[in-house]
């Protein structure tokens, strides 16, 4: 099962303060818009997303169709196919992708310890 690029999405209280903190750790801005309360930072191959007011908990994020530089892959496993495979294994979903569509889609599952896992396909 190929899930795509990995990052951690961090729910923050003050995006400017969090961005400054992670910049001290060697991260630099890679995408997003701090004025919209979200920012993507990168340090080497490590990617983190900072999100203020968008969700309650930190979550693991996978992006089918992307590599760690947010560049499109020639071939990849579509989020809807991943969702079907997980359903067949009995996985429960918090939200589901519409399997009648193509292109961008997302779903959320929760690990046994309550951590959300977002699969978020952008293409």
PDB file of N, CA and C in Angstrom:
ATOM      1  N   UNK A   1       0.856  -1.173   0.000  1.00  0.00           N
ATOM      2  CA  UNK A   1       0.000   0.000   0.000  1.00  0.00           C
ATOM      3  C   UNK A   1       0.903   1.237   0.000  1.00  0.00           C
ATOM      4  N   UNK A   2       0.878   1.998  -1.081  1.00  0.00           N
ATOM      5  CA  UNK A   2       1.670   3.217  -1.205  1.00  0.00           C
ATOM      6  C   UNK A   2       0.808   4.420  -0.822  1.00  0.00           C
ATOM      7  N   UNK A   3       1.172   5.105   0.255  1.00  0.00           N
ATOM      8  CA  UNK A   3       0.368   6.206   0.765  1.00  0.00           C
ATOM      9  C   UNK A   3       0.802   7.575   0.258  1.00  0.00           C
ATOM     10  N   UNK A   4       1.970   7.674  -0.342  1.00  0.00           N
ATOM     11  CA  UNK A   4       2.448   8.966  -0.840  1.00  0.00           C
ATOM     12  C   UNK A   4       3.309   9.693   0.172  1.00  0.00           C
ATOM     13  N   UNK A   5       3.482  10.980  -0.057  1.00  0.00           N
ATOM     14  CA  UNK A   5       4.333  11.818   0.799  1.00  0.00           C
ATOM     15  C   UNK A   5       3.787  11.838   2.218  1.00  0.00           C
ATOM     16  N   UNK A   6       4.693  11.882   3.193  1.00  0.00           N
ATOM     17  CA  UNK A   6       4.303  11.904   4.607  1.00  0.00           C
ATOM     18  C   UNK A   6       4.648  13.241   5.244  1.00  0.00           C
ATOM     19  N   UNK A   7       3.762  13.709   6.092  1.00  0.00           N
ATOM     20  CA  UNK A   7       4.040  14.869   6.940  1.00  0.00           C
ATOM     21  C   UNK A   7       3.222  14.739   8.208  1.00  0.00           C
ATOM     22  N   UNK A   8       3.560  15.536   9.186  1.00  0.00           N
ATOM     23  CA  UNK A   8       2.741  15.648  10.385  1.00  0.00           C
ATOM     24  C   UNK A   8       2.049  16.997  10.328  1.00  0.00           C
ATOM     25  N   UNK A   9       0.764  16.995  10.573  1.00  0.00           N
ATOM     26  CA  UNK A   9      -0.026  18.230  10.603  1.00  0.00           C
ATOM     27  C   UNK A   9      -0.213  18.600  12.070  1.00  0.00           C
ATOM     28  N   UNK A  10       0.297  19.757  12.442  1.00  0.00           N
ATOM     29  CA  UNK A  10       0.301  20.177  13.838  1.00  0.00           C
ATOM     30  C   UNK A  10      -0.749  21.256  14.056  1.00  0.00           C
ATOM     31  N   UNK A  11      -1.638  21.000  15.004  1.00  0.00           N
ATOM     32  CA  UNK A  11      -2.648  21.978  15.391  1.00  0.00           C
ATOM     33  C   UNK A  11      -1.993  22.954  16.365  1.00  0.00           C
ATOM     34  N   UNK A  12      -1.907  24.232  15.980  1.00  0.00           N
ATOM     35  CA  UNK A  12      -1.182  25.216  16.794  1.00  0.00           C
ATOM     36  C   UNK A  12      -2.122  26.315  17.295  1.00  0.00           C
ATOM     37  N   UNK A  13      -1.728  26.937  18.403  1.00  0.00           N
ATOM     38  CA  UNK A  13      -2.512  28.035  18.975  1.00  0.00           C
ATOM     39  C   UNK A  13      -2.135  29.382  18.369  1.00  0.00           C
ATOM     40  N   UNK A  14      -0.849  29.556  18.038  1.00  0.00           N
ATOM     41  CA  UNK A  14      -0.340  30.817  17.492  1.00  0.00           C
ATOM     42  C   UNK A  14       0.607  30.466  16.354  1.00  0.00           C
ATOM     43  N   UNK A  15       0.136  30.584  15.131  1.00  0.00           N
ATOM     44  CA  UNK A  15       0.910  30.106  13.988  1.00  0.00           C
ATOM     45  C   UNK A  15       2.238  30.857  13.830  1.00  0.00           C
ATOM     46  N   UNK A  16       2.247  32.152  14.113  1.00  0.00           N
ATOM     47  CA  UNK A  16       3.496  32.923  13.990  1.00  0.00           C
ATOM     48  C   UNK A  16       4.528  32.435  14.998  1.00  0.00           C
ATOM     49  N   UNK A  17       4.104  32.213  16.236  1.00  0.00           N
ATOM     50  CA  UNK A  17       5.025  31.730  17.268  1.00  0.00           C
ATOM     51  C   UNK A  17       5.533  30.327  16.925  1.00  0.00           C
ATOM     52  N   UNK A  18       4.635  29.478  16.420  1.00  0.00           N
ATOM     53  CA  UNK A  18       5.038  28.122  16.060  1.00  0.00           C
ATOM     54  C   UNK A  18       6.000  28.131  14.872  1.00  0.00           C
ATOM     55  N   UNK A  19       5.721  28.967  13.877  1.00  0.00           N
ATOM     56  CA  UNK A  19       6.613  29.070  12.719  1.00  0.00           C
ATOM     57  C   UNK A  19       8.004  29.516  13.166  1.00  0.00           C
ATOM     58  N   UNK A  20       8.067  30.511  14.036  1.00  0.00           N
ATOM     59  CA  UNK A  20       9.359  30.998  14.537  1.00  0.00           C
ATOM     60  C   UNK A  20      10.104  29.886  15.283  1.00  0.00           C
ATOM     61  N   UNK A  21       9.380  29.109  16.083  1.00  0.00           N
ATOM     62  CA  UNK A  21       9.995  28.005  16.823  1.00  0.00           C
ATOM     63  C   UNK A  21      10.599  26.977  15.869  1.00  0.00           C
ATOM     64  N   UNK A  22       9.820  26.520  14.890  1.00  0.00           N
ATOM     65  CA  UNK A  22      10.307  25.493  13.973  1.00  0.00           C
ATOM     66  C   UNK A  22      11.406  26.019  13.055  1.00  0.00           C
ATOM     67  N   UNK A  23      11.398  27.314  12.752  1.00  0.00           N
ATOM     68  CA  UNK A  23      12.501  27.894  11.981  1.00  0.00           C
ATOM     69  C   UNK A  23      13.804  27.818  12.769  1.00  0.00           C
ATOM     70  N   UNK A  24      13.742  27.959  14.100  1.00  0.00           N
ATOM     71  CA  UNK A  24      14.937  27.805  14.946  1.00  0.00           C
ATOM     72  C   UNK A  24      15.481  26.391  14.869  1.00  0.00           C
ATOM     73  N   UNK A  25      14.606  25.419  14.577  1.00  0.00           N
ATOM     74  CA  UNK A  25      15.025  24.023  14.438  1.00  0.00           C
ATOM     75  C   UNK A  25      15.512  23.699  13.031  1.00  0.00           C
ATOM     76  N   UNK A  26      15.564  24.708  12.175  1.00  0.00           N
ATOM     77  CA  UNK A  26      16.094  24.515  10.830  1.00  0.00           C
ATOM     78  C   UNK A  26      15.051  24.321   9.745  1.00  0.00           C
ATOM     79  N   UNK A  27      13.775  24.469  10.075  1.00  0.00           N
ATOM     80  CA  UNK A  27      12.725  24.354   9.065  1.00  0.00           C
ATOM     81  C   UNK A  27      12.594  25.679   8.319  1.00  0.00           C
ATOM     82  N   UNK A  28      12.200  25.603   7.058  1.00  0.00           N
ATOM     83  CA  UNK A  28      11.926  26.818   6.294  1.00  0.00           C
ATOM     84  C   UNK A  28      10.583  26.650   5.583  1.00  0.00           C
ATOM     85  N   UNK A  29       9.992  27.790   5.244  1.00  0.00           N
ATOM     86  CA  UNK A  29       8.681  27.787   4.609  1.00  0.00           C
ATOM     87  C   UNK A  29       8.756  27.099   3.254  1.00  0.00           C
ATOM     88  N   UNK A  30       7.777  26.239   2.999  1.00  0.00           N
ATOM     89  CA  UNK A  30       7.743  25.447   1.781  1.00  0.00           C
ATOM     90  C   UNK A  30       6.436  25.656   1.021  1.00  0.00           C
ATOM     91  N   UNK A  31       5.423  26.123   1.721  1.00  0.00           N
ATOM     92  CA  UNK A  31       4.121  26.333   1.095  1.00  0.00           C
ATOM     93  C   UNK A  31       3.126  26.836   2.118  1.00  0.00           C
ATOM     94  N   UNK A  32       1.920  27.056   1.671  1.00  0.00           N
ATOM     95  CA  UNK A  32       0.874  27.533   2.563  1.00  0.00           C
ATOM     96  C   UNK A  32       0.782  29.038   2.575  1.00  0.00           C
ATOM     97  N   UNK A  33      -0.011  29.539   3.506  1.00  0.00           N
ATOM     98  CA  UNK A  33      -0.243  30.980   3.619  1.00  0.00           C
ATOM     99  C   UNK A  33      -0.504  31.311   5.076  1.00  0.00           C
ATOM    100  N   UNK A  34       0.481  31.897   5.723  1.00  0.00           N
ATOM    101  CA  UNK A  34       0.355  32.193   7.151  1.00  0.00           C
ATOM    102  C   UNK A  34      -0.817  33.124   7.432  1.00  0.00           C
ATOM    103  N   UNK A  35      -1.198  33.971   6.470  1.00  0.00           N
ATOM    104  CA  UNK A  35      -2.341  34.862   6.680  1.00  0.00           C
ATOM    105  C   UNK A  35      -3.663  34.094   6.675  1.00  0.00           C
ATOM    106  N   UNK A  36      -3.653  32.869   6.145  1.00  0.00           N
ATOM    107  CA  UNK A  36      -4.825  31.998   6.169  1.00  0.00           C
ATOM    108  C   UNK A  36      -4.717  30.951   7.277  1.00  0.00           C
ATOM    109  N   UNK A  37      -3.717  31.119   8.151  1.00  0.00           N
ATOM    110  CA  UNK A  37      -3.505  30.252   9.317  1.00  0.00           C
ATOM    111  C   UNK A  37      -3.051  28.835   8.980  1.00  0.00           C
ATOM    112  N   UNK A  38      -2.320  28.682   7.875  1.00  0.00           N
ATOM    113  CA  UNK A  38      -1.685  27.396   7.595  1.00  0.00           C
ATOM    114  C   UNK A  38      -0.368  27.618   6.872  1.00  0.00           C
ATOM    115  N   UNK A  39       0.609  26.800   7.204  1.00  0.00           N
ATOM    116  CA  UNK A  39       1.942  26.950   6.659  1.00  0.00           C
ATOM    117  C   UNK A  39       2.595  25.575   6.593  1.00  0.00           C
ATOM    118  N   UNK A  40       3.292  25.290   5.508  1.00  0.00           N
ATOM    119  CA  UNK A  40       4.024  24.039   5.347  1.00  0.00           C
ATOM    120  C   UNK A  40       5.510  24.372   5.468  1.00  0.00           C
ATOM    121  N   UNK A  41       6.206  23.631   6.310  1.00  0.00           N
ATOM    122  CA  UNK A  41       7.634  23.840   6.555  1.00  0.00           C
ATOM    123  C   UNK A  41       8.397  22.567   6.227  1.00  0.00           C
ATOM    124  N   UNK A  42       9.656  22.737   5.842  1.00  0.00           N
ATOM    125  CA  UNK A  42      10.466  21.589   5.462  1.00  0.00           C
ATOM    126  C   UNK A  42      11.881  21.733   6.007  1.00  0.00           C
ATOM    127  N   UNK A  43      12.449  20.608   6.421  1.00  0.00           N
ATOM    128  CA  UNK A  43      13.842  20.511   6.846  1.00  0.00           C
ATOM    129  C   UNK A  43      14.360  19.214   6.253  1.00  0.00           C
ATOM    130  N   UNK A  44      15.154  19.305   5.195  1.00  0.00           N
ATOM    131  CA  UNK A  44      15.575  18.096   4.485  1.00  0.00           C
ATOM    132  C   UNK A  44      14.352  17.433   3.881  1.00  0.00           C
ATOM    133  N   UNK A  45      14.151  16.160   4.174  1.00  0.00           N
ATOM    134  CA  UNK A  45      12.981  15.427   3.677  1.00  0.00           C
ATOM    135  C   UNK A  45      11.808  15.473   4.657  1.00  0.00           C
ATOM    136  N   UNK A  46      11.999  16.117   5.804  1.00  0.00           N
ATOM    137  CA  UNK A  46      10.951  16.173   6.830  1.00  0.00           C
ATOM    138  C   UNK A  46      10.018  17.343   6.565  1.00  0.00           C
ATOM    139  N   UNK A  47       8.720  17.045   6.511  1.00  0.00           N
ATOM    140  CA  UNK A  47       7.707  18.057   6.233  1.00  0.00           C
ATOM    141  C   UNK A  47       6.723  18.117   7.394  1.00  0.00           C
ATOM    142  N   UNK A  48       6.454  19.340   7.862  1.00  0.00           N
ATOM    143  CA  UNK A  48       5.413  19.542   8.861  1.00  0.00           C
ATOM    144  C   UNK A  48       4.475  20.633   8.365  1.00  0.00           C
ATOM    145  N   UNK A  49       3.214  20.490   8.716  1.00  0.00           N
ATOM    146  CA  UNK A  49       2.236  21.515   8.420  1.00  0.00           C
ATOM    147  C   UNK A  49       1.765  22.126   9.727  1.00  0.00           C
ATOM    148  N   UNK A  50       1.696  23.436   9.779  1.00  0.00           N
ATOM    149  CA  UNK A  50       1.176  24.142  10.950  1.00  0.00           C
ATOM    150  C   UNK A  50      -0.204  24.668  10.583  1.00  0.00           C
ATOM    151  N   UNK A  51      -1.192  24.375  11.423  1.00  0.00           N
ATOM    152  CA  UNK A  51      -2.577  24.750  11.145  1.00  0.00           C
ATOM    153  C   UNK A  51      -3.202  25.349  12.399  1.00  0.00           C
ATOM    154  N   UNK A  52      -3.596  26.592  12.325  1.00  0.00           N
ATOM    155  CA  UNK A  52      -4.231  27.258  13.461  1.00  0.00           C
ATOM    156  C   UNK A  52      -5.738  27.279  13.268  1.00  0.00           C
ATOM    157  N   UNK A  53      -6.469  26.674  14.211  1.00  0.00           N
ATOM    158  CA  UNK A  53      -7.926  26.712  14.196  1.00  0.00           C
ATOM    159  C   UNK A  53      -8.589  25.833  13.160  1.00  0.00           C
ATOM    160  N   UNK A  54      -7.887  24.885  12.592  1.00  0.00           N
ATOM    161  CA  UNK A  54      -8.472  24.067  11.531  1.00  0.00           C
ATOM    162  C   UNK A  54      -8.889  22.681  11.986  1.00  0.00           C
ATOM    163  N   UNK A  55      -8.226  22.137  12.998  1.00  0.00           N
ATOM    164  CA  UNK A  55      -8.614  20.853  13.548  1.00  0.00           C
ATOM    165  C   UNK A  55      -8.126  20.752  14.988  1.00  0.00           C
ATOM    166  N   UNK A  56      -8.673  19.789  15.734  1.00  0.00           N
ATOM    167  CA  UNK A  56      -8.421  19.707  17.171  1.00  0.00           C
ATOM    168  C   UNK A  56      -7.094  19.062  17.535  1.00  0.00           C
ATOM    169  N   UNK A  57      -6.719  18.002  16.845  1.00  0.00           N
ATOM    170  CA  UNK A  57      -5.536  17.222  17.221  1.00  0.00           C
ATOM    171  C   UNK A  57      -4.483  17.262  16.118  1.00  0.00           C
ATOM    172  N   UNK A  58      -3.250  16.995  16.512  1.00  0.00           N
ATOM    173  CA  UNK A  58      -2.196  16.753  15.529  1.00  0.00           C
ATOM    174  C   UNK A  58      -2.579  15.491  14.769  1.00  0.00           C
ATOM    175  N   UNK A  59      -2.179  15.403  13.493  1.00  0.00           N
ATOM    176  CA  UNK A  59      -2.490  14.189  12.745  1.00  0.00           C
ATOM    177  C   UNK A  59      -1.381  13.848  11.760  1.00  0.00           C
ATOM    178  N   UNK A  60      -1.270  12.559  11.503  1.00  0.00           N
ATOM    179  CA  UNK A  60      -0.372  12.076  10.467  1.00  0.00           C
ATOM    180  C   UNK A  60      -1.055  12.330   9.135  1.00  0.00           C
ATOM    181  N   UNK A  61      -0.302  12.782   8.148  1.00  0.00           N
ATOM    182  CA  UNK A  61      -0.883  13.104   6.845  1.00  0.00           C
ATOM    183  C   UNK A  61      -0.090  12.416   5.743  1.00  0.00           C
ATOM    184  N   UNK A  62      -0.812  11.812   4.826  1.00  0.00           N
ATOM    185  CA  UNK A  62      -0.216  11.181   3.650  1.00  0.00           C
ATOM    186  C   UNK A  62      -0.860  11.789   2.416  1.00  0.00           C
ATOM    187  N   UNK A  63      -0.053  12.063   1.395  1.00  0.00           N
ATOM    188  CA  UNK A  63      -0.539  12.672   0.156  1.00  0.00           C
ATOM    189  C   UNK A  63      -0.252  11.757  -1.033  1.00  0.00           C
ATOM    190  N   UNK A  64      -1.229  10.905  -1.404  1.00  0.00           N
ATOM    191  CA  UNK A  64      -1.037  10.078  -2.593  1.00  0.00           C
ATOM    192  C   UNK A  64      -0.790  10.966  -3.818  1.00  0.00           C
ATOM    193  N   UNK A  65       0.121  10.532  -4.672  1.00  0.00           N
ATOM    194  CA  UNK A  65       0.412  11.268  -5.896  1.00  0.00           C
ATOM    195  C   UNK A  65       1.525  12.280  -5.772  1.00  0.00           C
ATOM    196  N   UNK A  66       2.049  12.477  -4.556  1.00  0.00           N
ATOM    197  CA  UNK A  66       3.134  13.439  -4.337  1.00  0.00           C
ATOM    198  C   UNK A  66       4.353  12.755  -3.753  1.00  0.00           C
ATOM    199  N   UNK A  67       5.539  13.314  -4.045  1.00  0.00           N
ATOM    200  CA  UNK A  67       6.744  12.939  -3.323  1.00  0.00           C
ATOM    201  C   UNK A  67       6.951  13.962  -2.203  1.00  0.00           C
ATOM    202  N   UNK A  68       8.039  13.874  -1.472  1.00  0.00           N
ATOM    203  CA  UNK A  68       8.277  14.760  -0.326  1.00  0.00           C
ATOM    204  C   UNK A  68       8.492  16.222  -0.721  1.00  0.00           C
ATOM    205  N   UNK A  69       8.653  16.490  -2.020  1.00  0.00           N
ATOM    206  CA  UNK A  69       8.791  17.866  -2.498  1.00  0.00           C
ATOM    207  C   UNK A  69       7.490  18.395  -3.106  1.00  0.00           C
ATOM    208  N   UNK A  70       6.385  17.691  -2.859  1.00  0.00           N
ATOM    209  CA  UNK A  70       5.066  18.056  -3.399  1.00  0.00           C
ATOM    210  C   UNK A  70       5.060  18.071  -4.925  1.00  0.00           C
ATOM    211  N   UNK A  71       5.896  17.202  -5.504  1.00  0.00           N
ATOM    212  CA  UNK A  71       5.937  17.033  -6.956  1.00  0.00           C
ATOM    213  C   UNK A  71       5.102  15.818  -7.319  1.00  0.00           C
ATOM    214  N   UNK A  72       4.347  15.928  -8.396  1.00  0.00           N
ATOM    215  CA  UNK A  72       3.488  14.835  -8.821  1.00  0.00           C
ATOM    216  C   UNK A  72       4.269  13.600  -9.237  1.00  0.00           C
ATOM    217  N   UNK A  73       3.736  12.441  -8.886  1.00  0.00           N
ATOM    218  CA  UNK A  73       4.319  11.165  -9.279  1.00  0.00           C
ATOM    219  C   UNK A  73       3.652  10.685 -10.561  1.00  0.00           C
ATOM    220  N   UNK A  74       4.400   9.983 -11.383  1.00  0.00           N
ATOM    221  CA  UNK A  74       3.845   9.470 -12.629  1.00  0.00           C
ATOM    222  C   UNK A  74       2.713   8.490 -12.401  1.00  0.00           C
ATOM    223  N   UNK A  75       2.870   7.631 -11.436  1.00  0.00           N
ATOM    224  CA  UNK A  75       1.797   6.702 -11.095  1.00  0.00           C
ATOM    225  C   UNK A  75       1.715   6.622  -9.574  1.00  0.00           C
ATOM    226  N   UNK A  76       0.501   6.383  -9.092  1.00  0.00           N
ATOM    227  CA  UNK A  76       0.298   6.287  -7.647  1.00  0.00           C
ATOM    228  C   UNK A  76      -1.033   5.590  -7.383  1.00  0.00           C
ATOM    229  N   UNK A  77      -1.204   5.159  -6.159  1.00  0.00           N
ATOM    230  CA  UNK A  77      -2.455   4.521  -5.758  1.00  0.00           C
ATOM    231  C   UNK A  77      -3.428   5.604  -5.344  1.00  0.00           C
ATOM    232  N   UNK A  78      -4.566   5.668  -6.016  1.00  0.00           N
ATOM    233  CA  UNK A  78      -5.587   6.667  -5.749  1.00  0.00           C
ATOM    234  C   UNK A  78      -6.156   6.491  -4.333  1.00  0.00           C
ATOM    235  N   UNK A  79      -6.502   7.604  -3.702  1.00  0.00           N
ATOM    236  CA  UNK A  79      -7.048   7.588  -2.340  1.00  0.00           C
ATOM    237  C   UNK A  79      -8.284   6.695  -2.241  1.00  0.00           C
ATOM    238  N   UNK A  80      -9.113   6.678  -3.284  1.00  0.00           N
ATOM    239  CA  UNK A  80     -10.326   5.857  -3.252  1.00  0.00           C
ATOM    240  C   UNK A  80      -9.989   4.366  -3.243  1.00  0.00           C
ATOM    241  N   UNK A  81      -8.922   3.992  -3.941  1.00  0.00           N
ATOM    242  CA  UNK A  81      -8.472   2.598  -3.918  1.00  0.00           C
ATOM    243  C   UNK A  81      -7.924   2.238  -2.539  1.00  0.00           C
ATOM    244  N   UNK A  82      -7.156   3.152  -1.956  1.00  0.00           N
ATOM    245  CA  UNK A  82      -6.652   2.932  -0.598  1.00  0.00           C
ATOM    246  C   UNK A  82      -7.821   2.760   0.373  1.00  0.00           C
ATOM    247  N   UNK A  83      -8.825   3.610   0.223  1.00  0.00           N
ATOM    248  CA  UNK A  83     -10.004   3.548   1.086  1.00  0.00           C
ATOM    249  C   UNK A  83     -10.709   2.192   0.944  1.00  0.00           C
ATOM    250  N   UNK A  84     -10.874   1.723  -0.298  1.00  0.00           N
ATOM    251  CA  UNK A  84     -11.521   0.432  -0.527  1.00  0.00           C
ATOM    252  C   UNK A  84     -10.736  -0.700   0.126  1.00  0.00           C
ATOM    253  N   UNK A  85      -9.398  -0.653   0.012  1.00  0.00           N
ATOM    254  CA  UNK A  85      -8.554  -1.677   0.629  1.00  0.00           C
ATOM    255  C   UNK A  85      -8.714  -1.673   2.157  1.00  0.00           C
ATOM    256  N   UNK A  86      -8.754  -0.484   2.744  1.00  0.00           N
ATOM    257  CA  UNK A  86      -8.906  -0.381   4.198  1.00  0.00           C
ATOM    258  C   UNK A  86     -10.293  -0.842   4.645  1.00  0.00           C
ATOM    259  N   UNK A  87     -11.313  -0.492   3.878  1.00  0.00           N
ATOM    260  CA  UNK A  87     -12.676  -0.964   4.193  1.00  0.00           C
ATOM    261  C   UNK A  87     -12.727  -2.487   4.175  1.00  0.00           C
ATOM    262  N   UNK A  88     -12.086  -3.102   3.186  1.00  0.00           N
ATOM    263  CA  UNK A  88     -12.077  -4.557   3.069  1.00  0.00           C
ATOM    264  C   UNK A  88     -11.406  -5.206   4.274  1.00  0.00           C
ATOM    265  N   UNK A  89     -10.526  -4.456   4.941  1.00  0.00           N
ATOM    266  CA  UNK A  89      -9.847  -4.961   6.129  1.00  0.00           C
ATOM    267  C   UNK A  89     -10.599  -4.618   7.413  1.00  0.00           C
ATOM    268  N   UNK A  90     -11.765  -3.974   7.274  1.00  0.00           N
ATOM    269  CA  UNK A  90     -12.586  -3.666   8.439  1.00  0.00           C
ATOM    270  C   UNK A  90     -12.264  -2.363   9.129  1.00  0.00           C
ATOM    271  N   UNK A  91     -11.495  -1.501   8.495  1.00  0.00           N
ATOM    272  CA  UNK A  91     -11.130  -0.214   9.094  1.00  0.00           C
ATOM    273  C   UNK A  91     -12.354   0.698   9.145  1.00  0.00           C
ATOM    274  N   UNK A  92     -12.512   1.395  10.265  1.00  0.00           N
ATOM    275  CA  UNK A  92     -13.589   2.366  10.398  1.00  0.00           C
ATOM    276  C   UNK A  92     -13.079   3.743  10.007  1.00  0.00           C
ATOM    277  N   UNK A  93     -13.966   4.564   9.440  1.00  0.00           N
ATOM    278  CA  UNK A  93     -13.599   5.876   8.926  1.00  0.00           C
ATOM    279  C   UNK A  93     -14.304   6.985   9.695  1.00  0.00           C
ATOM    280  N   UNK A  94     -13.578   8.095   9.898  1.00  0.00           N
ATOM    281  CA  UNK A  94     -14.167   9.310  10.451  1.00  0.00           C
ATOM    282  C   UNK A  94     -14.833  10.081   9.315  1.00  0.00           C
ATOM    283  N   UNK A  95     -14.152  10.132   8.174  1.00  0.00           N
ATOM    284  CA  UNK A  95     -14.708  10.719   6.957  1.00  0.00           C
ATOM    285  C   UNK A  95     -14.211   9.894   5.781  1.00  0.00           C
ATOM    286  N   UNK A  96     -14.982   9.922   4.695  1.00  0.00           N
ATOM    287  CA  UNK A  96     -14.650   9.102   3.538  1.00  0.00           C
ATOM    288  C   UNK A  96     -14.585   9.932   2.263  1.00  0.00           C
ATOM    289  N   UNK A  97     -13.777   9.465   1.334  1.00  0.00           N
ATOM    290  CA  UNK A  97     -13.732  10.039  -0.003  1.00  0.00           C
ATOM    291  C   UNK A  97     -14.951   9.546  -0.777  1.00  0.00           C
ATOM    292  N   UNK A  98     -15.449  10.377  -1.662  1.00  0.00           N
ATOM    293  CA  UNK A  98     -16.556   9.987  -2.532  1.00  0.00           C
ATOM    294  C   UNK A  98     -15.987   9.097  -3.631  1.00  0.00           C
ATOM    295  N   UNK A  99     -16.333   7.826  -3.593  1.00  0.00           N
ATOM    296  CA  UNK A  99     -15.763   6.863  -4.534  1.00  0.00           C
ATOM    297  C   UNK A  99     -16.311   7.007  -5.944  1.00  0.00           C
ATOM    298  N   UNK A 100     -17.299   7.855  -6.135  1.00  0.00           N
ATOM    299  CA  UNK A 100     -17.852   8.081  -7.481  1.00  0.00           C
ATOM    300  C   UNK A 100     -17.119   9.198  -8.220  1.00  0.00           C
ATOM    301  N   UNK A 101     -16.118   9.805  -7.572  1.00  0.00           N
ATOM    302  CA  UNK A 101     -15.395  10.925  -8.168  1.00  0.00           C
ATOM    303  C   UNK A 101     -13.996  10.504  -8.588  1.00  0.00           C
ATOM    304  N   UNK A 102     -13.306  11.417  -9.268  1.00  0.00           N
ATOM    305  CA  UNK A 102     -11.892  11.252  -9.588  1.00  0.00           C
ATOM    306  C   UNK A 102     -11.180  12.524  -9.154  1.00  0.00           C
ATOM    307  N   UNK A 103      -9.857  12.487  -9.147  1.00  0.00           N
ATOM    308  CA  UNK A 103      -9.088  13.675  -8.768  1.00  0.00           C
ATOM    309  C   UNK A 103      -8.948  13.811  -7.270  1.00  0.00           C
ATOM    310  N   UNK A 104      -8.874  15.063  -6.786  1.00  0.00           N
ATOM    311  CA  UNK A 104      -8.660  15.289  -5.360  1.00  0.00           C
ATOM    312  C   UNK A 104      -9.700  14.577  -4.487  1.00  0.00           C
ATOM    313  N   UNK A 105      -9.220  14.007  -3.385  1.00  0.00           N
ATOM    314  CA  UNK A 105     -10.090  13.290  -2.447  1.00  0.00           C
ATOM    315  C   UNK A 105      -9.352  13.114  -1.135  1.00  0.00           C
ATOM    316  N   UNK A 106     -10.106  12.893  -0.063  1.00  0.00           N
ATOM    317  CA  UNK A 106      -9.466  12.644   1.223  1.00  0.00           C
ATOM    318  C   UNK A 106     -10.353  11.766   2.090  1.00  0.00           C
ATOM    319  N   UNK A 107      -9.713  11.108   3.044  1.00  0.00           N
ATOM    320  CA  UNK A 107     -10.437  10.381   4.077  1.00  0.00           C
ATOM    321  C   UNK A 107      -9.612  10.425   5.359  1.00  0.00           C
ATOM    322  N   UNK A 108     -10.299  10.159   6.480  1.00  0.00           N
ATOM    323  CA  UNK A 108      -9.631  10.152   7.786  1.00  0.00           C
ATOM    324  C   UNK A 108      -9.996   8.865   8.505  1.00  0.00           C
ATOM    325  N   UNK A 109      -8.971   8.211   9.034  1.00  0.00           N
ATOM    326  CA  UNK A 109      -9.125   7.076   9.926  1.00  0.00           C
ATOM    327  C   UNK A 109      -8.440   7.445  11.243  1.00  0.00           C
ATOM    328  N   UNK A 110      -8.687   6.675  12.285  1.00  0.00           N
ATOM    329  CA  UNK A 110      -8.090   6.960  13.591  1.00  0.00           C
ATOM    330  C   UNK A 110      -7.356   5.709  14.059  1.00  0.00           C
ATOM    331  N   UNK A 111      -6.102   5.889  14.508  1.00  0.00           N
ATOM    332  CA  UNK A 111      -5.334   4.737  14.975  1.00  0.00           C
ATOM    333  C   UNK A 111      -5.849   4.279  16.352  1.00  0.00           C
ATOM    334  N   UNK A 112      -5.386   3.130  16.844  1.00  0.00           N
ATOM    335  CA  UNK A 112      -5.912   2.596  18.106  1.00  0.00           C
ATOM    336  C   UNK A 112      -5.723   3.507  19.323  1.00  0.00           C
ATOM    337  N   UNK A 113      -4.796   4.462  19.221  1.00  0.00           N
ATOM    338  CA  UNK A 113      -4.560   5.383  20.335  1.00  0.00           C
ATOM    339  C   UNK A 113      -5.288   6.707  20.174  1.00  0.00           C
ATOM    340  N   UNK A 114      -6.134   6.804  19.159  1.00  0.00           N
ATOM    341  CA  UNK A 114      -6.932   8.004  18.968  1.00  0.00           C
ATOM    342  C   UNK A 114      -6.302   9.068  18.090  1.00  0.00           C
ATOM    343  N   UNK A 115      -5.180   8.762  17.454  1.00  0.00           N
ATOM    344  CA  UNK A 115      -4.522   9.732  16.573  1.00  0.00           C
ATOM    345  C   UNK A 115      -5.143   9.685  15.193  1.00  0.00           C
ATOM    346  N   UNK A 116      -5.604  10.831  14.674  1.00  0.00           N
ATOM    347  CA  UNK A 116      -6.165  10.841  13.326  1.00  0.00           C
ATOM    348  C   UNK A 116      -5.082  10.653  12.264  1.00  0.00           C
ATOM    349  N   UNK A 117      -5.450   9.965  11.200  1.00  0.00           N
ATOM    350  CA  UNK A 117      -4.581   9.767  10.048  1.00  0.00           C
ATOM    351  C   UNK A 117      -5.362  10.265   8.830  1.00  0.00           C
ATOM    352  N   UNK A 118      -4.835  11.315   8.206  1.00  0.00           N
ATOM    353  CA  UNK A 118      -5.465  11.926   7.027  1.00  0.00           C
ATOM    354  C   UNK A 118      -4.764  11.453   5.769  1.00  0.00           C
ATOM    355  N   UNK A 119      -5.524  10.938   4.832  1.00  0.00           N
ATOM    356  CA  UNK A 119      -5.016  10.651   3.488  1.00  0.00           C
ATOM    357  C   UNK A 119      -5.661  11.704   2.598  1.00  0.00           C
ATOM    358  N   UNK A 120      -4.817  12.591   2.056  1.00  0.00           N
ATOM    359  CA  UNK A 120      -5.288  13.794   1.377  1.00  0.00           C
ATOM    360  C   UNK A 120      -4.644  13.901   0.003  1.00  0.00           C
ATOM    361  N   UNK A 121      -5.390  13.495  -1.014  1.00  0.00           N
ATOM    362  CA  UNK A 121      -4.897  13.484  -2.388  1.00  0.00           C
ATOM    363  C   UNK A 121      -5.273  14.800  -3.059  1.00  0.00           C
ATOM    364  N   UNK A 122      -4.291  15.475  -3.642  1.00  0.00           N
ATOM    365  CA  UNK A 122      -4.507  16.793  -4.238  1.00  0.00           C
ATOM    366  C   UNK A 122      -4.652  16.791  -5.751  1.00  0.00           C
ATOM    367  N   UNK A 123      -4.473  15.638  -6.399  1.00  0.00           N
ATOM    368  CA  UNK A 123      -4.562  15.608  -7.860  1.00  0.00           C
ATOM    369  C   UNK A 123      -5.287  14.391  -8.352  1.00  0.00           C
TER     370      UNK A 123
END
